[in-house]
C-alpha atoms as a PDB file:
ATOM      1  CA  MET A   1      24.886  50.461 -34.522  1.00  0.00           C
ATOM      2  CA  THR A   2      26.048  49.027 -31.198  1.00  0.00           C
ATOM      3  CA  THR A   3      28.747  51.412 -29.535  1.00  0.00           C
ATOM      4  CA  LYS A   4      31.753  49.416 -27.536  1.00  0.00           C
ATOM      5  CA  LYS A   5      30.304  50.424 -24.326  1.00  0.00           C
ATOM      6  CA  GLY A   6      27.136  48.900 -25.546  1.00  0.00           C
ATOM      7  CA  TRP A   7      28.458  45.458 -26.188  1.00  0.00           C
ATOM      8  CA  ILE A   8      30.153  45.921 -22.758  1.00  0.00           C
ATOM      9  CA  PHE A   9      26.737  46.569 -21.041  1.00  0.00           C
ATOM     10  CA  VAL A  10      25.415  43.270 -22.955  1.00  0.00           C
ATOM     11  CA  ALA A  11      28.130  41.175 -22.102  1.00  0.00           C
ATOM     12  CA  LEU A  12      27.760  42.092 -18.687  1.00  0.00           C
ATOM     13  CA  ALA A  13      23.968  41.449 -18.371  1.00  0.00           C
ATOM     14  CA  LEU A  14      24.415  38.464 -19.901  1.00  0.00           C
ATOM     15  CA  SER A  15      27.486  37.348 -17.261  1.00  0.00           C
ATOM     16  CA  MET A  16      24.820  38.575 -14.670  1.00  0.00           C
ATOM     17  CA  THR A  17      21.981  36.476 -16.011  1.00  0.00           C
ATOM     18  CA  ALA A  18      24.108  33.493 -16.242  1.00  0.00           C
ATOM     19  CA  SER A  19      24.911  33.599 -12.639  1.00  0.00           C
ATOM     20  CA  ALA A  20      21.425  33.728 -11.847  1.00  0.00           C
ATOM     21  CA  PRO A  21      19.938  30.944  -9.740  1.00  0.00           C
ATOM     22  CA  GLY A  22      17.737  28.993 -11.876  1.00  0.00           C
ATOM     23  CA  ILE A  23      17.942  30.882 -14.966  1.00  0.00           C
ATOM     24  CA  ALA A  24      20.743  30.084 -17.269  1.00  0.00           C
ATOM     25  CA  ASN A  25      22.442  27.527 -15.177  1.00  0.00           C
ATOM     26  CA  PRO A  26      19.652  24.878 -15.450  1.00  0.00           C
ATOM     27  CA  ALA A  27      18.612  23.261 -12.088  1.00  0.00           C
ATOM     28  CA  SER A  28      20.075  19.725 -10.770  1.00  0.00           C
ATOM     29  CA  PRO A  29      18.479  16.835 -12.046  1.00  0.00           C
ATOM     30  CA  TYR A  30      16.183  14.828  -9.631  1.00  0.00           C
ATOM     31  CA  PRO A  31      17.317  13.306  -7.709  1.00  0.00           C
ATOM     32  CA  SER A  32      21.109  14.272  -7.311  1.00  0.00           C
ATOM     33  CA  LYS A  33      21.480  13.971  -3.588  1.00  0.00           C
ATOM     34  CA  PRO A  34      19.968  11.101  -0.892  1.00  0.00           C
ATOM     35  CA  ILE A  35      16.199  10.269  -0.588  1.00  0.00           C
ATOM     36  CA  LYS A  36      14.893   9.951   3.021  1.00  0.00           C
ATOM     37  CA  MET A  37      12.158   7.391   3.063  1.00  0.00           C
ATOM     38  CA  ILE A  38      10.384   7.832   6.777  1.00  0.00           C
ATOM     39  CA  VAL A  39       8.740   4.726   7.972  1.00  0.00           C
ATOM     40  CA  PRO A  40       6.567   5.449  10.844  1.00  0.00           C
ATOM     41  CA  PHE A  41       6.726   1.910  12.619  1.00  0.00           C
ATOM     42  CA  ALA A  42       9.708   0.228  14.593  1.00  0.00           C
ATOM     43  CA  PRO A  43      11.936  -2.335  12.618  1.00  0.00           C
ATOM     44  CA  GLY A  44      10.745  -5.715  11.948  1.00  0.00           C
ATOM     45  CA  GLY A  45       7.108  -4.629  11.327  1.00  0.00           C
ATOM     46  CA  SER A  46       5.277  -4.907   7.914  1.00  0.00           C
ATOM     47  CA  ASN A  47       5.798  -1.802   6.883  1.00  0.00           C
ATOM     48  CA  ASP A  48       9.282  -2.042   7.630  1.00  0.00           C
ATOM     49  CA  MET A  49       9.768  -5.083   5.843  1.00  0.00           C
ATOM     50  CA  VAL A  50       8.245  -3.966   2.436  1.00  0.00           C
ATOM     51  CA  ALA A  51      10.754  -0.732   2.620  1.00  0.00           C
ATOM     52  CA  ARG A  52      13.701  -2.956   3.127  1.00  0.00           C
ATOM     53  CA  ILE A  53      12.494  -5.250   0.346  1.00  0.00           C
ATOM     54  CA  VAL A  54      11.790  -2.411  -2.234  1.00  0.00           C
ATOM     55  CA  GLY A  55      14.553  -0.299  -0.844  1.00  0.00           C
ATOM     56  CA  PRO A  56      17.574  -1.149  -2.930  1.00  0.00           C
ATOM     57  CA  LYS A  57      15.721  -1.830  -6.223  1.00  0.00           C
ATOM     58  CA  PHE A  58      13.952   1.454  -5.642  1.00  0.00           C
ATOM     59  CA  SER A  59      17.360   3.299  -5.219  1.00  0.00           C
ATOM     60  CA  GLU A  60      18.665   1.683  -8.259  1.00  0.00           C
ATOM     61  CA  VAL A  61      15.636   2.513 -10.223  1.00  0.00           C
ATOM     62  CA  ILE A  62      15.397   6.340  -9.565  1.00  0.00           C
ATOM     63  CA  GLY A  63      19.548   6.904  -9.363  1.00  0.00           C
ATOM     64  CA  ALA A  64      19.969   7.843  -5.568  1.00  0.00           C
ATOM     65  CA  PRO A  65      20.634   6.459  -2.328  1.00  0.00           C
ATOM     66  CA  VAL A  66      17.507   5.919  -0.347  1.00  0.00           C
ATOM     67  CA  ILE A  67      18.194   6.117   3.409  1.00  0.00           C
ATOM     68  CA  ILE A  68      15.441   4.489   5.377  1.00  0.00           C
ATOM     69  CA  GLU A  69      14.572   6.219   8.466  1.00  0.00           C
ATOM     70  CA  ASN A  70      12.417   4.479  11.091  1.00  0.00           C
ATOM     71  CA  LYS A  71      10.177   7.318  13.315  1.00  0.00           C
ATOM     72  CA  SER A  72       7.833   5.029  15.273  1.00  0.00           C
ATOM     73  CA  GLY A  73       5.123   6.193  17.724  1.00  0.00           C
ATOM     74  CA  ALA A  74       1.481   6.457  18.343  1.00  0.00           C
ATOM     75  CA  GLY A  75       0.305   3.972  15.705  1.00  0.00           C
ATOM     76  CA  GLY A  76       2.432   5.601  12.973  1.00  0.00           C
ATOM     77  CA  ALA A  77       1.185   9.106  13.810  1.00  0.00           C
ATOM     78  CA  VAL A  78       4.590  10.753  15.006  1.00  0.00           C
ATOM     79  CA  GLY A  79       6.432   9.510  11.905  1.00  0.00           C
ATOM     80  CA  ALA A  80       3.926  11.090   9.687  1.00  0.00           C
ATOM     81  CA  ALA A  81       3.886  14.213  11.608  1.00  0.00           C
ATOM     82  CA  TYR A  82       7.761  14.224  11.091  1.00  0.00           C
ATOM     83  CA  ALA A  83       7.608  13.674   7.732  1.00  0.00           C
ATOM     84  CA  ALA A  84       4.907  16.767   7.432  1.00  0.00           C
ATOM     85  CA  GLN A  85       7.221  19.328   8.402  1.00  0.00           C
ATOM     86  CA  ALA A  86      10.088  17.954   5.721  1.00  0.00           C
ATOM     87  CA  PRO A  87      10.501  20.598   2.850  1.00  0.00           C
ATOM     88  CA  ASN A  88       8.357  19.541   0.007  1.00  0.00           C
ATOM     89  CA  ASP A  89      11.536  19.297  -2.274  1.00  0.00           C
ATOM     90  CA  GLY A  90      11.191  15.841  -3.419  1.00  0.00           C
ATOM     91  CA  TYR A  91      13.958  14.099  -0.927  1.00  0.00           C
ATOM     92  CA  THR A  92      11.544  13.191   1.683  1.00  0.00           C
ATOM     93  CA  ILE A  93       9.072  10.287   1.231  1.00  0.00           C
ATOM     94  CA  LEU A  94       6.736   8.706   3.459  1.00  0.00           C
ATOM     95  CA  MET A  95       6.345   5.187   3.469  1.00  0.00           C
ATOM     96  CA  HIS A  96       2.481   4.483   5.255  1.00  0.00           C
ATOM     97  CA  SER A  97      -0.361   1.988   5.606  1.00  0.00           C
ATOM     98  CA  THR A  98      -4.003   1.943   5.942  1.00  0.00           C
ATOM     99  CA  THR A  99      -3.528   3.178   9.548  1.00  0.00           C
ATOM    100  CA  VAL A 100      -3.691   7.041   7.829  1.00  0.00           C
ATOM    101  CA  THR A 101      -7.547   6.021   6.898  1.00  0.00           C
ATOM    102  CA  MET A 102      -8.423   5.138  10.752  1.00  0.00           C
ATOM    103  CA  GLN A 103      -6.482   8.072  12.637  1.00  0.00           C
ATOM    104  CA  PRO A 104      -8.497  10.846  12.191  1.00  0.00           C
ATOM    105  CA  TRP A 105     -11.293   9.107  14.204  1.00  0.00           C
ATOM    106  CA  LEU A 106      -9.152   7.302  16.798  1.00  0.00           C
ATOM    107  CA  MET A 107      -7.240  10.018  17.663  1.00  0.00           C
ATOM    108  CA  LYS A 108      -7.894  13.804  18.517  1.00  0.00           C
ATOM    109  CA  ASN A 109      -4.831  15.228  17.251  1.00  0.00           C
ATOM    110  CA  PRO A 110      -2.709  13.070  15.053  1.00  0.00           C
ATOM    111  CA  GLY A 111      -0.071  15.799  14.171  1.00  0.00           C
ATOM    112  CA  TYR A 112      -1.003  15.864  10.573  1.00  0.00           C
ATOM    113  CA  GLU A 113      -3.998  15.814   8.112  1.00  0.00           C
ATOM    114  CA  LEU A 114      -3.410  13.627   5.510  1.00  0.00           C
ATOM    115  CA  PHE A 115      -4.607  15.466   2.419  1.00  0.00           C
ATOM    116  CA  LYS A 116      -3.626  18.811   3.797  1.00  0.00           C
ATOM    117  CA  ASP A 117      -0.167  17.869   4.268  1.00  0.00           C
ATOM    118  CA  PHE A 118       0.710  15.116   1.729  1.00  0.00           C
ATOM    119  CA  ASP A 119       0.299  14.074  -1.791  1.00  0.00           C
ATOM    120  CA  PRO A 120      -0.518  10.551  -2.301  1.00  0.00           C
ATOM    121  CA  VAL A 121       2.131   9.066  -4.831  1.00  0.00           C
ATOM    122  CA  THR A 122       1.145   5.474  -5.113  1.00  0.00           C
ATOM    123  CA  ARG A 123      -0.149   2.369  -3.415  1.00  0.00           C
ATOM    124  CA  MET A 124       2.632  -0.153  -3.115  1.00  0.00           C
ATOM    125  CA  THR A 125       1.417  -3.472  -1.677  1.00  0.00           C
ATOM    126  CA  THR A 126      -1.520  -4.596  -0.091  1.00  0.00           C
ATOM    127  CA  THR A 127      -1.883  -7.883   2.539  1.00  0.00           C
ATOM    128  CA  PRO A 128      -5.307  -9.357   3.393  1.00  0.00           C
ATOM    129  CA  PHE A 129      -6.492 -10.412   7.169  1.00  0.00           C
ATOM    130  CA  THR A 130      -7.112 -13.926   7.618  1.00  0.00           C
ATOM    131  CA  LEU A 131     -10.505 -14.944   8.957  1.00  0.00           C
ATOM    132  CA  VAL A 132      -9.357 -17.409  11.729  1.00  0.00           C
ATOM    133  CA  VAL A 133     -11.165 -19.757  14.351  1.00  0.00           C
ATOM    134  CA  SER A 134     -10.376 -22.334  16.692  1.00  0.00           C
ATOM    135  CA  SER A 135     -10.315 -25.696  15.782  1.00  0.00           C
ATOM    136  CA  PRO A 136     -13.119 -27.514  17.994  1.00  0.00           C
ATOM    137  CA  VAL A 137     -15.491 -24.720  15.909  1.00  0.00           C
ATOM    138  CA  GLY A 138     -17.604 -27.179  13.524  1.00  0.00           C
ATOM    139  CA  ALA A 139     -16.735 -24.918  10.380  1.00  0.00           C
ATOM    140  CA  ASN A 140     -14.174 -24.871   7.361  1.00  0.00           C
ATOM    141  CA  ASN A 141     -15.657 -21.887   5.493  1.00  0.00           C
ATOM    142  CA  TYR A 142     -17.629 -18.932   5.850  1.00  0.00           C
ATOM    143  CA  LYS A 143     -21.207 -20.149   5.076  1.00  0.00           C
ATOM    144  CA  GLU A 144     -20.552 -23.038   7.751  1.00  0.00           C
ATOM    145  CA  LEU A 145     -19.528 -20.539  10.219  1.00  0.00           C
ATOM    146  CA  ALA A 146     -22.551 -18.511   9.926  1.00  0.00           C
ATOM    147  CA  LYS A 147     -24.789 -21.556  10.263  1.00  0.00           C
ATOM    148  CA  TYR A 148     -22.607 -22.684  12.876  1.00  0.00           C
ATOM    149  CA  ALA A 149     -23.351 -19.309  14.628  1.00  0.00           C
ATOM    150  CA  LYS A 150     -26.952 -19.602  14.283  1.00  0.00           C
ATOM    151  CA  ASP A 151     -27.455 -23.333  15.105  1.00  0.00           C
ATOM    152  CA  SER A 152     -25.012 -23.035  18.350  1.00  0.00           C
ATOM    153  CA  LYS A 153     -26.456 -22.414  21.624  1.00  0.00           C
ATOM    154  CA  LYS A 154     -22.988 -20.970  22.868  1.00  0.00           C
ATOM    155  CA  GLU A 155     -22.117 -17.478  22.728  1.00  0.00           C
ATOM    156  CA  LEU A 156     -19.200 -16.610  20.114  1.00  0.00           C
ATOM    157  CA  PHE A 157     -16.638 -14.319  21.083  1.00  0.00           C
ATOM    158  CA  PHE A 158     -13.830 -12.703  18.879  1.00  0.00           C
ATOM    159  CA  GLY A 159     -10.731 -11.721  20.047  1.00  0.00           C
ATOM    160  CA  SER A 160      -8.715  -8.556  18.877  1.00  0.00           C
ATOM    161  CA  ALA A 161      -4.929  -7.061  19.619  1.00  0.00           C
ATOM    162  CA  GLY A 162      -7.043  -4.293  21.426  1.00  0.00           C
ATOM    163  CA  THR A 163      -9.965  -2.237  21.275  1.00  0.00           C
ATOM    164  CA  ALA A 164      -9.887   0.078  17.887  1.00  0.00           C
ATOM    165  CA  SER A 165      -6.807  -2.239  16.822  1.00  0.00           C
ATOM    166  CA  SER A 166      -7.062  -3.074  12.986  1.00  0.00           C
ATOM    167  CA  PRO A 167      -8.001  -6.563  13.797  1.00  0.00           C
ATOM    168  CA  HIS A 168     -10.751  -5.405  16.018  1.00  0.00           C
ATOM    169  CA  LEU A 169     -12.173  -2.850  13.120  1.00  0.00           C
ATOM    170  CA  VAL A 170     -12.185  -5.682  10.573  1.00  0.00           C
ATOM    171  CA  ALA A 171     -14.024  -7.840  12.801  1.00  0.00           C
ATOM    172  CA  GLU A 172     -16.727  -5.233  13.741  1.00  0.00           C
ATOM    173  CA  TYR A 173     -16.863  -4.373   9.774  1.00  0.00           C
ATOM    174  CA  PHE A 174     -17.353  -8.369   9.317  1.00  0.00           C
ATOM    175  CA  LYS A 175     -19.872  -8.214  12.023  1.00  0.00           C
ATOM    176  CA  SER A 176     -21.871  -5.885  10.358  1.00  0.00           C
ATOM    177  CA  LYS A 177     -21.863  -7.238   6.942  1.00  0.00           C
ATOM    178  CA  SER A 178     -22.307 -10.716   7.877  1.00  0.00           C
ATOM    179  CA  ALA A 179     -24.981 -10.507  10.839  1.00  0.00           C
ATOM    180  CA  ILE A 180     -23.193 -12.820  12.606  1.00  0.00           C
ATOM    181  CA  ASP A 181     -23.796 -12.361  16.728  1.00  0.00           C
ATOM    182  CA  MET A 182     -20.618 -12.114  18.535  1.00  0.00           C
ATOM    183  CA  GLU A 183     -18.882 -10.420  21.245  1.00  0.00           C
ATOM    184  CA  HIS A 184     -15.451  -8.836  21.501  1.00  0.00           C
ATOM    185  CA  VAL A 185     -12.642  -9.628  23.753  1.00  0.00           C
ATOM    186  CA  PRO A 186      -9.659  -7.199  23.747  1.00  0.00           C
ATOM    187  CA  TYR A 187      -6.318  -8.442  24.467  1.00  0.00           C
ATOM    188  CA  LYS A 188      -2.985  -7.059  24.980  1.00  0.00           C
ATOM    189  CA  GLY A 189      -1.267  -7.760  21.333  1.00  0.00           C
ATOM    190  CA  ASN A 190      -1.986 -10.176  18.954  1.00  0.00           C
ATOM    191  CA  GLY A 191      -0.239 -12.693  20.622  1.00  0.00           C
ATOM    192  CA  PRO A 192      -2.131 -13.229  23.429  1.00  0.00           C
ATOM    193  CA  MET A 193      -5.409 -12.821  21.189  1.00  0.00           C
ATOM    194  CA  MET A 194      -3.958 -15.810  19.088  1.00  0.00           C
ATOM    195  CA  VAL A 195      -3.054 -18.061  22.403  1.00  0.00           C
ATOM    196  CA  ALA A 196      -6.754 -17.516  23.550  1.00  0.00           C
ATOM    197  CA  LEU A 197      -7.960 -18.620  20.157  1.00  0.00           C
ATOM    198  CA  MET A 198      -5.890 -21.608  20.092  1.00  0.00           C
ATOM    199  CA  SER A 199      -7.161 -22.787  23.476  1.00  0.00           C
ATOM    200  CA  ASN A 200     -11.018 -21.818  22.548  1.00  0.00           C
ATOM    201  CA  GLU A 201     -11.178 -19.096  25.222  1.00  0.00           C
ATOM    202  CA  ILE A 202     -12.493 -17.241  22.069  1.00  0.00           C
ATOM    203  CA  GLN A 203     -13.885 -18.670  18.837  1.00  0.00           C
ATOM    204  CA  LEU A 204     -12.822 -16.233  15.885  1.00  0.00           C
ATOM    205  CA  GLY A 205     -10.938 -13.520  15.174  1.00  0.00           C
ATOM    206  CA  PHE A 206      -8.714 -11.568  12.128  1.00  0.00           C
ATOM    207  CA  ASP A 207      -5.125 -12.111  11.947  1.00  0.00           C
ATOM    208  CA  THR A 208      -1.853 -11.925   9.566  1.00  0.00           C
ATOM    209  CA  ILE A 209      -0.998 -14.250   6.977  1.00  0.00           C
ATOM    210  CA  HIS A 210       2.492 -14.547   8.730  1.00  0.00           C
ATOM    211  CA  SER A 211       1.019 -15.345  12.102  1.00  0.00           C
ATOM    212  CA  SER A 212      -2.083 -17.714  11.016  1.00  0.00           C
ATOM    213  CA  LYS A 213      -0.596 -19.640   8.271  1.00  0.00           C
ATOM    214  CA  PRO A 214       2.009 -21.673  10.366  1.00  0.00           C
ATOM    215  CA  MET A 215      -0.561 -22.451  13.129  1.00  0.00           C
ATOM    216  CA  ALA A 216      -2.911 -23.502  10.215  1.00  0.00           C
ATOM    217  CA  GLU A 217      -0.566 -26.056   8.962  1.00  0.00           C
ATOM    218  CA  SER A 218       0.154 -27.268  12.491  1.00  0.00           C
ATOM    219  CA  GLY A 219      -3.790 -27.799  12.994  1.00  0.00           C
ATOM    220  CA  ARG A 220      -3.979 -25.296  16.108  1.00  0.00           C
ATOM    221  CA  ILE A 221      -6.455 -23.019  14.248  1.00  0.00           C
ATOM    222  CA  LYS A 222      -8.492 -22.969  11.031  1.00  0.00           C
ATOM    223  CA  ILE A 223      -8.073 -20.063   8.309  1.00  0.00           C
ATOM    224  CA  LEU A 224     -11.628 -20.057   6.614  1.00  0.00           C
ATOM    225  CA  ALA A 225     -11.119 -17.032   4.415  1.00  0.00           C
ATOM    226  CA  VAL A 226      -8.939 -14.116   3.450  1.00  0.00           C
ATOM    227  CA  THR A 227     -10.359 -10.438   3.465  1.00  0.00           C
ATOM    228  CA  SER A 228      -9.360  -9.234   0.000  1.00  0.00           C
ATOM    229  CA  LEU A 229     -11.086  -9.721  -3.230  1.00  0.00           C
ATOM    230  CA  ASN A 230      -8.431 -11.750  -4.905  1.00  0.00           C
ATOM    231  CA  ARG A 231      -6.825 -14.844  -3.406  1.00  0.00           C
ATOM    232  CA  ASN A 232      -3.457 -14.096  -1.708  1.00  0.00           C
ATOM    233  CA  ASN A 233      -0.291 -15.845  -3.324  1.00  0.00           C
ATOM    234  CA  ASN A 234       0.895 -16.969   0.002  1.00  0.00           C
ATOM    235  CA  ILE A 235      -2.331 -19.225   0.777  1.00  0.00           C
ATOM    236  CA  PRO A 236      -3.962 -19.623  -2.670  1.00  0.00           C
ATOM    237  CA  ASP A 237      -6.187 -22.412  -1.515  1.00  0.00           C
ATOM    238  CA  VAL A 238      -7.953 -20.331   1.093  1.00  0.00           C
ATOM    239  CA  PRO A 239     -11.049 -18.513  -0.571  1.00  0.00           C
ATOM    240  CA  THR A 240     -12.051 -14.876   0.048  1.00  0.00           C
ATOM    241  CA  LEU A 241     -14.870 -13.400   1.923  1.00  0.00           C
ATOM    242  CA  ASP A 242     -16.080 -12.242  -1.426  1.00  0.00           C
ATOM    243  CA  GLU A 243     -16.607 -15.318  -3.275  1.00  0.00           C
ATOM    244  CA  SER A 244     -17.610 -17.064  -0.163  1.00  0.00           C
ATOM    245  CA  GLY A 245     -20.608 -15.115   0.223  1.00  0.00           C
ATOM    246  CA  LEU A 246     -20.095 -11.767   1.258  1.00  0.00           C
ATOM    247  CA  PRO A 247     -19.756  -9.931  -2.047  1.00  0.00           C
ATOM    248  CA  GLY A 248     -17.810  -6.799  -2.107  1.00  0.00           C
ATOM    249  CA  PHE A 249     -15.914  -7.563   1.212  1.00  0.00           C
ATOM    250  CA  ASP A 250     -12.364  -6.061   0.768  1.00  0.00           C
ATOM    251  CA  VAL A 251     -10.388  -4.503   3.414  1.00  0.00           C
ATOM    252  CA  GLY A 252      -6.731  -5.182   4.502  1.00  0.00           C
ATOM    253  CA  VAL A 253      -3.369  -3.725   4.957  1.00  0.00           C
ATOM    254  CA  TRP A 254      -1.888  -1.365   2.295  1.00  0.00           C
ATOM    255  CA  GLN A 255       1.553   0.288   2.026  1.00  0.00           C
ATOM    256  CA  GLY A 256       1.882   3.294   0.430  1.00  0.00           C
ATOM    257  CA  VAL A 257       4.316   6.424  -0.637  1.00  0.00           C
ATOM    258  CA  PHE A 258       3.198  10.036   0.306  1.00  0.00           C
ATOM    259  CA  MET A 259       5.670  12.997  -0.478  1.00  0.00           C
ATOM    260  CA  PRO A 260       5.209  16.456   1.625  1.00  0.00           C
ATOM    261  CA  LYS A 261       2.317  18.656   0.046  1.00  0.00           C
ATOM    262  CA  GLY A 262       3.329  21.025  -2.603  1.00  0.00           C
ATOM    263  CA  ALA A 263       5.728  18.791  -4.348  1.00  0.00           C
ATOM    264  CA  ASP A 264       6.870  19.680  -7.499  1.00  0.00           C
ATOM    265  CA  PRO A 265       4.380  17.421 -10.131  1.00  0.00           C
ATOM    266  CA  ALA A 266       7.292  16.116 -11.884  1.00  0.00           C
ATOM    267  CA  LYS A 267       9.065  14.828  -8.881  1.00  0.00           C
ATOM    268  CA  ILE A 268       5.824  13.232  -8.095  1.00  0.00           C
ATOM    269  CA  ASP A 269       5.766  11.596 -11.340  1.00  0.00           C
ATOM    270  CA  LYS A 270       9.393  10.410 -11.025  1.00  0.00           C
ATOM    271  CA  VAL A 271       8.832   8.715  -7.614  1.00  0.00           C
ATOM    272  CA  GLN A 272       5.394   7.016  -8.743  1.00  0.00           C
ATOM    273  CA  LYS A 273       7.152   5.701 -11.910  1.00  0.00           C
ATOM    274  CA  ALA A 274      10.378   4.359 -10.262  1.00  0.00           C
ATOM    275  CA  MET A 275       8.096   2.639  -7.694  1.00  0.00           C
ATOM    276  CA  ALA A 276       6.180   1.098 -10.238  1.00  0.00           C
ATOM    277  CA  LYS A 277       9.001  -0.225 -12.150  1.00  0.00           C
ATOM    278  CA  THR A 278      10.509  -1.364  -8.787  1.00  0.00           C
ATOM    279  CA  LEU A 279       7.335  -3.418  -7.854  1.00  0.00           C
ATOM    280  CA  GLN A 280       7.904  -5.081 -11.168  1.00  0.00           C
ATOM    281  CA  ASP A 281      10.875  -6.516 -10.740  1.00  0.00           C
ATOM    282  CA  PRO A 282      10.851 -10.266 -10.504  1.00  0.00           C
ATOM    283  CA  ASP A 283      13.069 -10.639  -7.363  1.00  0.00           C
ATOM    284  CA  VAL A 284      11.041  -8.039  -5.551  1.00  0.00           C
ATOM    285  CA  VAL A 285       8.068  -9.344  -6.587  1.00  0.00           C
ATOM    286  CA  GLN A 286       9.240 -12.931  -5.148  1.00  0.00           C
ATOM    287  CA  LYS A 287      10.290 -11.690  -1.945  1.00  0.00           C
ATOM    288  CA  LEU A 288       6.903  -9.583  -1.287  1.00  0.00           C
ATOM    289  CA  ASN A 289       4.701 -12.462  -2.252  1.00  0.00           C
ATOM    290  CA  ALA A 290       6.861 -14.849  -0.044  1.00  0.00           C
ATOM    291  CA  ASN A 291       5.823 -12.452   3.044  1.00  0.00           C
ATOM    292  CA  GLY A 292       2.285 -12.494   2.023  1.00  0.00           C
ATOM    293  CA  PHE A 293       2.229  -9.048   0.053  1.00  0.00           C
ATOM    294  CA  ASP A 294       0.700  -8.427  -3.219  1.00  0.00           C
ATOM    295  CA  VAL A 295       1.916  -5.914  -5.302  1.00  0.00           C
ATOM    296  CA  ILE A 296      -0.367  -2.737  -6.355  1.00  0.00           C
ATOM    297  CA  ALA A 297       1.738  -0.117  -7.698  1.00  0.00           C
ATOM    298  CA  SER A 298      -1.528   2.428  -8.290  1.00  0.00           C
ATOM    299  CA  THR A 299      -1.405   5.936  -9.846  1.00  0.00           C
ATOM    300  CA  PRO A 300      -1.789   9.043  -7.509  1.00  0.00           C
ATOM    301  CA  SER A 301      -5.343   9.155  -8.451  1.00  0.00           C
ATOM    302  CA  ASP A 302      -6.244   5.815  -7.731  1.00  0.00           C
ATOM    303  CA  PHE A 303      -4.369   6.134  -4.329  1.00  0.00           C
ATOM    304  CA  ALA A 304      -6.299   8.699  -3.571  1.00  0.00           C
ATOM    305  CA  SER A 305      -9.598   7.187  -4.584  1.00  0.00           C
ATOM    306  CA  LYS A 306      -8.850   3.959  -2.253  1.00  0.00           C
ATOM    307  CA  ILE A 307      -7.838   6.634   0.611  1.00  0.00           C
ATOM    308  CA  LYS A 308     -11.260   8.052   0.304  1.00  0.00           C
ATOM    309  CA  ALA A 309     -12.955   4.790   0.261  1.00  0.00           C
ATOM    310  CA  ASP A 310     -11.153   3.383   3.162  1.00  0.00           C
ATOM    311  CA  MET A 311     -12.049   6.608   5.253  1.00  0.00           C
ATOM    312  CA  GLN A 312     -15.832   6.079   4.915  1.00  0.00           C
ATOM    313  CA  VAL A 313     -15.534   2.638   5.939  1.00  0.00           C
ATOM    314  CA  TRP A 314     -13.626   3.048   8.865  1.00  0.00           C
ATOM    315  CA  SER A 315     -15.124   6.470  10.098  1.00  0.00           C
ATOM    316  CA  LYS A 316     -18.324   4.456  10.105  1.00  0.00           C
ATOM    317  CA  VAL A 317     -17.213   1.367  11.641  1.00  0.00           C
ATOM    318  CA  ILE A 318     -15.468   3.295  14.676  1.00  0.00           C
ATOM    319  CA  LYS A 319     -18.720   5.461  15.114  1.00  0.00           C
ATOM    320  CA  ASP A 320     -20.469   2.631  15.226  1.00  0.00           C
ATOM    321  CA  ILE A 321     -18.615   0.771  17.732  1.00  0.00           C
ATOM    322  CA  GLY A 322     -18.764   4.305  20.106  1.00  0.00           C
ATOM    323  CA  TYR A 323     -15.024   4.587  20.426  1.00  0.00           C
ATOM    324  CA  LYS A 324     -14.078   8.252  21.479  1.00  0.00           C
ATOM    325  CA  PRO A 325     -11.088   9.303  20.129  1.00  0.00           C
ATOM    326  CA  GLU A 326      -8.204   9.989  22.556  1.00  0.00           C
END
């Protein structure tokens, strides 16, 4: 039989239990405050474009305001290092790109270690590079380019936005797979490289769809192929290198979401599913496709596998060209 004093003790214990954090008071539902999306590049770039296309719908789907914060510098390393220091409470996410698979071999100390500091959540979008040639080059597809390179008595030059830039590494990878003999000419940015291509100072290179499409439509350059396994919705008549004679050739620029290491798996799952639903929205898809992006929306495990595969490709390319990390 419980005494009066006993009931008082039980009531007091229940009261104390109820006031203990995380016991009787259930945790606030996630998310219960704004989510910060770190974009480690300046406004106006491809990562920022994707973030601003998906941001409003993602906010609606996940049920919380999403604040986009641009934190640029060192090819995305500054923003990634900044995000790596954020709490792993689910309220900071990083939207990065293919650059993260190159930086371990391009920088001595990028300020973060990808798999040590982050959990991959989902690959969102991808866009291929375009293989472009100057108009005087006697080739309208990859096979004709290979023949032109073999038969031509002139040396072929390819340009890039700078040594160890993404277009340079893609071209070196292409060179190793195609066995086309060509020499690299680095420029201070993509713009000067395309000017050189139009004047036939260089004969080929790799560019973005945004930059190359209007120039090809005006006849100033030719687009021979895209570097993805599937044709791009923005230039559907342009074949892939895979179907043109380089089986399995598949490189490009992707955008994806990461969360600081150790986040609650339930929160990772909620962000992944919310982003997947966002990327199914017809308006979002139309805007992304119109800007040259194809939707991916992968699982965390598929995204991690893609990252590891890309790291293998770029580590070999960077070592083969003899680049020394700075």
